[in-house]
Amino acid sequence: MVLFADDTSLIITERDESALPHKIKNIMKETWFHKNNIIINAEETIATSFHTIQNRLPVRPQISLKNMDIAY
């Protein structure tokens, strides 16, 4: 988790592409936000996918928050 002013970023890493969606789902359920009853505005939330230059097709698993898909 990275905090800056009023922005918070979660950085999730996983080498196994097939395990990434499951890991994201678990982290979104068990985050500090959830445990401290902090509401995340799903409409203002975005996801970013980082990849190596060799991988020209970045992995972008579906991320949902409050039944809304998060945009990349």
PDB file of N, CA and C in Angstrom:
ATOM      1  N   MET A   1       0.847  -1.159   0.000  1.00  0.00           N
ATOM      2  CA  MET A   1       0.000   0.000   0.000  1.00  0.00           C
ATOM      3  C   MET A   1       0.905   1.239   0.000  1.00  0.00           C
ATOM      4  N   VAL A   2       0.585   2.176  -0.863  1.00  0.00           N
ATOM      5  CA  VAL A   2       1.336   3.424  -0.976  1.00  0.00           C
ATOM      6  C   VAL A   2       0.361   4.573  -0.757  1.00  0.00           C
ATOM      7  N   LEU A   3       0.677   5.447   0.189  1.00  0.00           N
ATOM      8  CA  LEU A   3      -0.173   6.592   0.493  1.00  0.00           C
ATOM      9  C   LEU A   3       0.521   7.877   0.070  1.00  0.00           C
ATOM     10  N   PHE A   4      -0.225   8.781  -0.572  1.00  0.00           N
ATOM     11  CA  PHE A   4       0.298  10.090  -0.939  1.00  0.00           C
ATOM     12  C   PHE A   4      -0.859  11.073  -0.905  1.00  0.00           C
ATOM     13  N   ALA A   5      -0.762  12.049  -0.032  1.00  0.00           N
ATOM     14  CA  ALA A   5      -1.836  13.042   0.161  1.00  0.00           C
ATOM     15  C   ALA A   5      -3.152  12.300   0.394  1.00  0.00           C
ATOM     16  N   ASP A   6      -4.147  12.521  -0.476  1.00  0.00           N
ATOM     17  CA  ASP A   6      -5.421  11.833  -0.280  1.00  0.00           C
ATOM     18  C   ASP A   6      -5.602  10.660  -1.244  1.00  0.00           C
ATOM     19  N   ASP A   7      -4.509  10.214  -1.868  1.00  0.00           N
ATOM     20  CA  ASP A   7      -4.551   9.065  -2.777  1.00  0.00           C
ATOM     21  C   ASP A   7      -3.902   7.854  -2.128  1.00  0.00           C
ATOM     22  N   THR A   8      -4.457   6.705  -2.400  1.00  0.00           N
ATOM     23  CA  THR A   8      -3.912   5.448  -1.905  1.00  0.00           C
ATOM     24  C   THR A   8      -3.781   4.488  -3.071  1.00  0.00           C
ATOM     25  N   SER A   9      -2.646   3.808  -3.157  1.00  0.00           N
ATOM     26  CA  SER A   9      -2.421   2.823  -4.214  1.00  0.00           C
ATOM     27  C   SER A   9      -2.117   1.472  -3.588  1.00  0.00           C
ATOM     28  N   LEU A  10      -2.699   0.442  -4.175  1.00  0.00           N
ATOM     29  CA  LEU A  10      -2.361  -0.922  -3.793  1.00  0.00           C
ATOM     30  C   LEU A  10      -1.521  -1.492  -4.920  1.00  0.00           C
ATOM     31  N   ILE A  11      -0.363  -2.011  -4.586  1.00  0.00           N
ATOM     32  CA  ILE A  11       0.503  -2.617  -5.587  1.00  0.00           C
ATOM     33  C   ILE A  11       0.461  -4.123  -5.361  1.00  0.00           C
ATOM     34  N   ILE A  12      -0.004  -4.839  -6.381  1.00  0.00           N
ATOM     35  CA  ILE A  12      -0.161  -6.283  -6.292  1.00  0.00           C
ATOM     36  C   ILE A  12       0.725  -6.912  -7.359  1.00  0.00           C
ATOM     37  N   THR A  13       1.609  -7.800  -6.941  1.00  0.00           N
ATOM     38  CA  THR A  13       2.492  -8.465  -7.887  1.00  0.00           C
ATOM     39  C   THR A  13       2.228  -9.962  -7.876  1.00  0.00           C
ATOM     40  N   GLU A  14       2.406 -10.579  -9.039  1.00  0.00           N
ATOM     41  CA  GLU A  14       2.231 -12.025  -9.162  1.00  0.00           C
ATOM     42  C   GLU A  14       2.901 -12.482 -10.445  1.00  0.00           C
ATOM     43  N   ARG A  15       3.777 -13.453 -10.353  1.00  0.00           N
ATOM     44  CA  ARG A  15       4.450 -13.973 -11.546  1.00  0.00           C
ATOM     45  C   ARG A  15       3.543 -14.892 -12.361  1.00  0.00           C
ATOM     46  N   ASP A  16       2.656 -15.588 -11.687  1.00  0.00           N
ATOM     47  CA  ASP A  16       1.745 -16.525 -12.349  1.00  0.00           C
ATOM     48  C   ASP A  16       0.485 -15.777 -12.791  1.00  0.00           C
ATOM     49  N   GLU A  17       0.336 -15.573 -14.104  1.00  0.00           N
ATOM     50  CA  GLU A  17      -0.795 -14.805 -14.631  1.00  0.00           C
ATOM     51  C   GLU A  17      -2.137 -15.426 -14.260  1.00  0.00           C
ATOM     52  N   SER A  18      -2.203 -16.739 -14.194  1.00  0.00           N
ATOM     53  CA  SER A  18      -3.478 -17.389 -13.881  1.00  0.00           C
ATOM     54  C   SER A  18      -3.869 -17.197 -12.421  1.00  0.00           C
ATOM     55  N   ALA A  19      -2.908 -16.932 -11.547  1.00  0.00           N
ATOM     56  CA  ALA A  19      -3.187 -16.729 -10.123  1.00  0.00           C
ATOM     57  C   ALA A  19      -3.521 -15.268  -9.801  1.00  0.00           C
ATOM     58  N   LEU A  20      -3.226 -14.363 -10.713  1.00  0.00           N
ATOM     59  CA  LEU A  20      -3.412 -12.934 -10.453  1.00  0.00           C
ATOM     60  C   LEU A  20      -4.861 -12.538 -10.154  1.00  0.00           C
ATOM     61  N   PRO A  21      -5.854 -12.962 -10.940  1.00  0.00           N
ATOM     62  CA  PRO A  21      -7.234 -12.557 -10.621  1.00  0.00           C
ATOM     63  C   PRO A  21      -7.680 -13.000  -9.227  1.00  0.00           C
ATOM     64  N   HIS A  22      -7.321 -14.201  -8.827  1.00  0.00           N
ATOM     65  CA  HIS A  22      -7.683 -14.711  -7.501  1.00  0.00           C
ATOM     66  C   HIS A  22      -6.997 -13.885  -6.403  1.00  0.00           C
ATOM     67  N   LYS A  23      -5.737 -13.555  -6.617  1.00  0.00           N
ATOM     68  CA  LYS A  23      -4.993 -12.763  -5.638  1.00  0.00           C
ATOM     69  C   LYS A  23      -5.600 -11.367  -5.497  1.00  0.00           C
ATOM     70  N   ILE A  24      -5.957 -10.759  -6.607  1.00  0.00           N
ATOM     71  CA  ILE A  24      -6.574  -9.429  -6.576  1.00  0.00           C
ATOM     72  C   ILE A  24      -7.889  -9.479  -5.806  1.00  0.00           C
ATOM     73  N   LYS A  25      -8.707 -10.472  -6.107  1.00  0.00           N
ATOM     74  CA  LYS A  25     -10.010 -10.599  -5.440  1.00  0.00           C
ATOM     75  C   LYS A  25      -9.843 -10.741  -3.933  1.00  0.00           C
ATOM     76  N   ASN A  26      -8.893 -11.568  -3.495  1.00  0.00           N
ATOM     77  CA  ASN A  26      -8.654 -11.755  -2.065  1.00  0.00           C
ATOM     78  C   ASN A  26      -8.142 -10.485  -1.403  1.00  0.00           C
ATOM     79  N   ILE A  27      -7.250  -9.788  -2.057  1.00  0.00           N
ATOM     80  CA  ILE A  27      -6.698  -8.560  -1.490  1.00  0.00           C
ATOM     81  C   ILE A  27      -7.779  -7.485  -1.389  1.00  0.00           C
ATOM     82  N   MET A  28      -8.624  -7.384  -2.399  1.00  0.00           N
ATOM     83  CA  MET A  28      -9.689  -6.380  -2.358  1.00  0.00           C
ATOM     84  C   MET A  28     -10.662  -6.658  -1.214  1.00  0.00           C
ATOM     85  N   LYS A  29     -10.857  -7.917  -0.863  1.00  0.00           N
ATOM     86  CA  LYS A  29     -11.748  -8.268   0.245  1.00  0.00           C
ATOM     87  C   LYS A  29     -11.106  -8.004   1.596  1.00  0.00           C
ATOM     88  N   GLU A  30      -9.808  -8.214   1.708  1.00  0.00           N
ATOM     89  CA  GLU A  30      -9.125  -8.199   3.002  1.00  0.00           C
ATOM     90  C   GLU A  30      -8.222  -6.989   3.203  1.00  0.00           C
ATOM     91  N   THR A  31      -8.465  -5.920   2.501  1.00  0.00           N
ATOM     92  CA  THR A  31      -7.591  -4.757   2.616  1.00  0.00           C
ATOM     93  C   THR A  31      -7.815  -3.981   3.901  1.00  0.00           C
ATOM     94  N   TRP A  32      -6.919  -3.100   4.161  1.00  0.00           N
ATOM     95  CA  TRP A  32      -6.983  -2.196   5.297  1.00  0.00           C
ATOM     96  C   TRP A  32      -8.273  -1.383   5.245  1.00  0.00           C
ATOM     97  N   PHE A  33      -8.700  -1.020   4.041  1.00  0.00           N
ATOM     98  CA  PHE A  33      -9.934  -0.247   3.883  1.00  0.00           C
ATOM     99  C   PHE A  33     -11.119  -0.999   4.470  1.00  0.00           C
ATOM    100  N   HIS A  34     -11.248  -2.257   4.079  1.00  0.00           N
ATOM    101  CA  HIS A  34     -12.373  -3.080   4.535  1.00  0.00           C
ATOM    102  C   HIS A  34     -12.333  -3.262   6.050  1.00  0.00           C
ATOM    103  N   LYS A  35     -11.173  -3.534   6.560  1.00  0.00           N
ATOM    104  CA  LYS A  35     -11.031  -3.781   7.998  1.00  0.00           C
ATOM    105  C   LYS A  35     -11.318  -2.531   8.826  1.00  0.00           C
ATOM    106  N   ASN A  36     -11.133  -1.355   8.234  1.00  0.00           N
ATOM    107  CA  ASN A  36     -11.338  -0.098   8.958  1.00  0.00           C
ATOM    108  C   ASN A  36     -12.589   0.653   8.505  1.00  0.00           C
ATOM    109  N   ASN A  37     -13.470  -0.062   7.783  1.00  0.00           N
ATOM    110  CA  ASN A  37     -14.737   0.508   7.315  1.00  0.00           C
ATOM    111  C   ASN A  37     -14.563   1.808   6.532  1.00  0.00           C
ATOM    112  N   ILE A  38     -13.563   1.835   5.659  1.00  0.00           N
ATOM    113  CA  ILE A  38     -13.332   2.999   4.809  1.00  0.00           C
ATOM    114  C   ILE A  38     -13.924   2.711   3.434  1.00  0.00           C
ATOM    115  N   ILE A  39     -14.716   3.632   2.938  1.00  0.00           N
ATOM    116  CA  ILE A  39     -15.414   3.449   1.677  1.00  0.00           C
ATOM    117  C   ILE A  39     -14.510   3.869   0.519  1.00  0.00           C
ATOM    118  N   ILE A  40     -14.440   3.016  -0.489  1.00  0.00           N
ATOM    119  CA  ILE A  40     -13.677   3.308  -1.697  1.00  0.00           C
ATOM    120  C   ILE A  40     -14.674   3.736  -2.771  1.00  0.00           C
ATOM    121  N   ASN A  41     -14.407   4.857  -3.413  1.00  0.00           N
ATOM    122  CA  ASN A  41     -15.267   5.334  -4.487  1.00  0.00           C
ATOM    123  C   ASN A  41     -14.907   4.576  -5.759  1.00  0.00           C
ATOM    124  N   ALA A  42     -15.731   3.600  -6.113  1.00  0.00           N
ATOM    125  CA  ALA A  42     -15.455   2.745  -7.272  1.00  0.00           C
ATOM    126  C   ALA A  42     -15.452   3.536  -8.577  1.00  0.00           C
ATOM    127  N   GLU A  43     -16.214   4.610  -8.647  1.00  0.00           N
ATOM    128  CA  GLU A  43     -16.274   5.418  -9.865  1.00  0.00           C
ATOM    129  C   GLU A  43     -14.990   6.198 -10.112  1.00  0.00           C
ATOM    130  N   GLU A  44     -14.218   6.473  -9.070  1.00  0.00           N
ATOM    131  CA  GLU A  44     -12.965   7.222  -9.213  1.00  0.00           C
ATOM    132  C   GLU A  44     -11.738   6.324  -9.113  1.00  0.00           C
ATOM    133  N   THR A  45     -11.954   5.023  -9.062  1.00  0.00           N
ATOM    134  CA  THR A  45     -10.856   4.068  -8.924  1.00  0.00           C
ATOM    135  C   THR A  45     -10.433   3.573 -10.300  1.00  0.00           C
ATOM    136  N   ILE A  46      -9.127   3.516 -10.543  1.00  0.00           N
ATOM    137  CA  ILE A  46      -8.611   2.979 -11.808  1.00  0.00           C
ATOM    138  C   ILE A  46      -7.535   1.951 -11.514  1.00  0.00           C
ATOM    139  N   ALA A  47      -7.292   1.092 -12.472  1.00  0.00           N
ATOM    140  CA  ALA A  47      -6.244   0.076 -12.362  1.00  0.00           C
ATOM    141  C   ALA A  47      -5.192   0.336 -13.434  1.00  0.00           C
ATOM    142  N   THR A  48      -3.973  -0.001 -13.129  1.00  0.00           N
ATOM    143  CA  THR A  48      -2.871   0.118 -14.077  1.00  0.00           C
ATOM    144  C   THR A  48      -2.124  -1.198 -14.104  1.00  0.00           C
ATOM    145  N   SER A  49      -1.777  -1.653 -15.283  1.00  0.00           N
ATOM    146  CA  SER A  49      -1.045  -2.905 -15.430  1.00  0.00           C
ATOM    147  C   SER A  49       0.359  -2.591 -15.940  1.00  0.00           C
ATOM    148  N   PHE A  50       1.361  -3.036 -15.205  1.00  0.00           N
ATOM    149  CA  PHE A  50       2.753  -2.862 -15.619  1.00  0.00           C
ATOM    150  C   PHE A  50       3.267  -4.185 -16.145  1.00  0.00           C
ATOM    151  N   HIS A  51       4.107  -4.114 -17.160  1.00  0.00           N
ATOM    152  CA  HIS A  51       4.650  -5.334 -17.754  1.00  0.00           C
ATOM    153  C   HIS A  51       6.032  -5.042 -18.322  1.00  0.00           C
ATOM    154  N   THR A  52       6.745  -6.111 -18.617  1.00  0.00           N
ATOM    155  CA  THR A  52       8.070  -5.949 -19.216  1.00  0.00           C
ATOM    156  C   THR A  52       7.922  -5.566 -20.679  1.00  0.00           C
ATOM    157  N   ILE A  53       8.970  -5.028 -21.249  1.00  0.00           N
ATOM    158  CA  ILE A  53       8.937  -4.624 -22.652  1.00  0.00           C
ATOM    159  C   ILE A  53       8.790  -5.840 -23.570  1.00  0.00           C
ATOM    160  N   GLN A  54       9.239  -7.013 -23.111  1.00  0.00           N
ATOM    161  CA  GLN A  54       9.125  -8.225 -23.923  1.00  0.00           C
ATOM    162  C   GLN A  54       7.669  -8.683 -24.036  1.00  0.00           C
ATOM    163  N   ASN A  55       6.854  -8.353 -23.053  1.00  0.00           N
ATOM    164  CA  ASN A  55       5.453  -8.759 -23.052  1.00  0.00           C
ATOM    165  C   ASN A  55       4.613  -7.620 -23.612  1.00  0.00           C
ATOM    166  N   ARG A  56       4.350  -7.661 -24.903  1.00  0.00           N
ATOM    167  CA  ARG A  56       3.636  -6.567 -25.562  1.00  0.00           C
ATOM    168  C   ARG A  56       2.136  -6.570 -25.266  1.00  0.00           C
ATOM    169  N   LEU A  57       1.612  -7.674 -24.752  1.00  0.00           N
ATOM    170  CA  LEU A  57       0.196  -7.757 -24.392  1.00  0.00           C
ATOM    171  C   LEU A  57       0.083  -7.864 -22.873  1.00  0.00           C
ATOM    172  N   PRO A  58      -0.096  -6.749 -22.192  1.00  0.00           N
ATOM    173  CA  PRO A  58      -0.151  -6.787 -20.730  1.00  0.00           C
ATOM    174  C   PRO A  58      -1.374  -7.554 -20.226  1.00  0.00           C
ATOM    175  N   VAL A  59      -1.216  -8.163 -19.085  1.00  0.00           N
ATOM    176  CA  VAL A  59      -2.310  -8.876 -18.444  1.00  0.00           C
ATOM    177  C   VAL A  59      -3.198  -7.850 -17.755  1.00  0.00           C
ATOM    178  N   ARG A  60      -4.470  -7.914 -18.023  1.00  0.00           N
ATOM    179  CA  ARG A  60      -5.425  -6.989 -17.402  1.00  0.00           C
ATOM    180  C   ARG A  60      -6.626  -7.779 -16.896  1.00  0.00           C
ATOM    181  N   PRO A  61      -6.457  -8.421 -15.751  1.00  0.00           N
ATOM    182  CA  PRO A  61      -7.584  -9.202 -15.216  1.00  0.00           C
ATOM    183  C   PRO A  61      -8.731  -8.286 -14.792  1.00  0.00           C
ATOM    184  N   GLN A  62      -9.923  -8.829 -14.840  1.00  0.00           N
ATOM    185  CA  GLN A  62     -11.098  -8.065 -14.421  1.00  0.00           C
ATOM    186  C   GLN A  62     -11.014  -7.804 -12.923  1.00  0.00           C
ATOM    187  N   ILE A  63     -11.269  -6.560 -12.540  1.00  0.00           N
ATOM    188  CA  ILE A  63     -11.293  -6.171 -11.134  1.00  0.00           C
ATOM    189  C   ILE A  63     -12.650  -5.545 -10.870  1.00  0.00           C
ATOM    190  N   SER A  64     -13.338  -6.062  -9.873  1.00  0.00           N
ATOM    191  CA  SER A  64     -14.655  -5.538  -9.530  1.00  0.00           C
ATOM    192  C   SER A  64     -14.641  -5.009  -8.106  1.00  0.00           C
ATOM    193  N   LEU A  65     -15.369  -3.945  -7.924  1.00  0.00           N
ATOM    194  CA  LEU A  65     -15.515  -3.347  -6.603  1.00  0.00           C
ATOM    195  C   LEU A  65     -16.958  -2.881  -6.487  1.00  0.00           C
ATOM    196  N   LYS A  66     -17.675  -3.411  -5.505  1.00  0.00           N
ATOM    197  CA  LYS A  66     -19.091  -3.088  -5.314  1.00  0.00           C
ATOM    198  C   LYS A  66     -19.886  -3.348  -6.596  1.00  0.00           C
ATOM    199  N   ASN A  67     -19.619  -4.483  -7.208  1.00  0.00           N
ATOM    200  CA  ASN A  67     -20.303  -4.919  -8.428  1.00  0.00           C
ATOM    201  C   ASN A  67     -20.078  -3.990  -9.613  1.00  0.00           C
ATOM    202  N   MET A  68     -19.021  -3.192  -9.564  1.00  0.00           N
ATOM    203  CA  MET A  68     -18.642  -2.333 -10.687  1.00  0.00           C
ATOM    204  C   MET A  68     -17.275  -2.780 -11.179  1.00  0.00           C
ATOM    205  N   ASP A  69     -17.122  -2.878 -12.520  1.00  0.00           N
ATOM    206  CA  ASP A  69     -15.808  -3.195 -13.069  1.00  0.00           C
ATOM    207  C   ASP A  69     -14.932  -1.954 -13.011  1.00  0.00           C
ATOM    208  N   ILE A  70     -13.701  -2.145 -12.577  1.00  0.00           N
ATOM    209  CA  ILE A  70     -12.728  -1.053 -12.480  1.00  0.00           C
ATOM    210  C   ILE A  70     -12.040  -0.909 -13.846  1.00  0.00           C
ATOM    211  N   ALA A  71     -11.969   0.299 -14.341  1.00  0.00           N
ATOM    212  CA  ALA A  71     -11.354   0.572 -15.636  1.00  0.00           C
ATOM    213  C   ALA A  71      -9.832   0.574 -15.541  1.00  0.00           C
ATOM    214  N   TYR A  72      -9.185   0.261 -16.661  1.00  0.00           N
ATOM    215  CA  TYR A  72      -7.727   0.348 -16.759  1.00  0.00           C
ATOM    216  C   TYR A  72      -7.363   1.637 -17.439  1.00  0.00           C
TER     217      TYR A  72
END
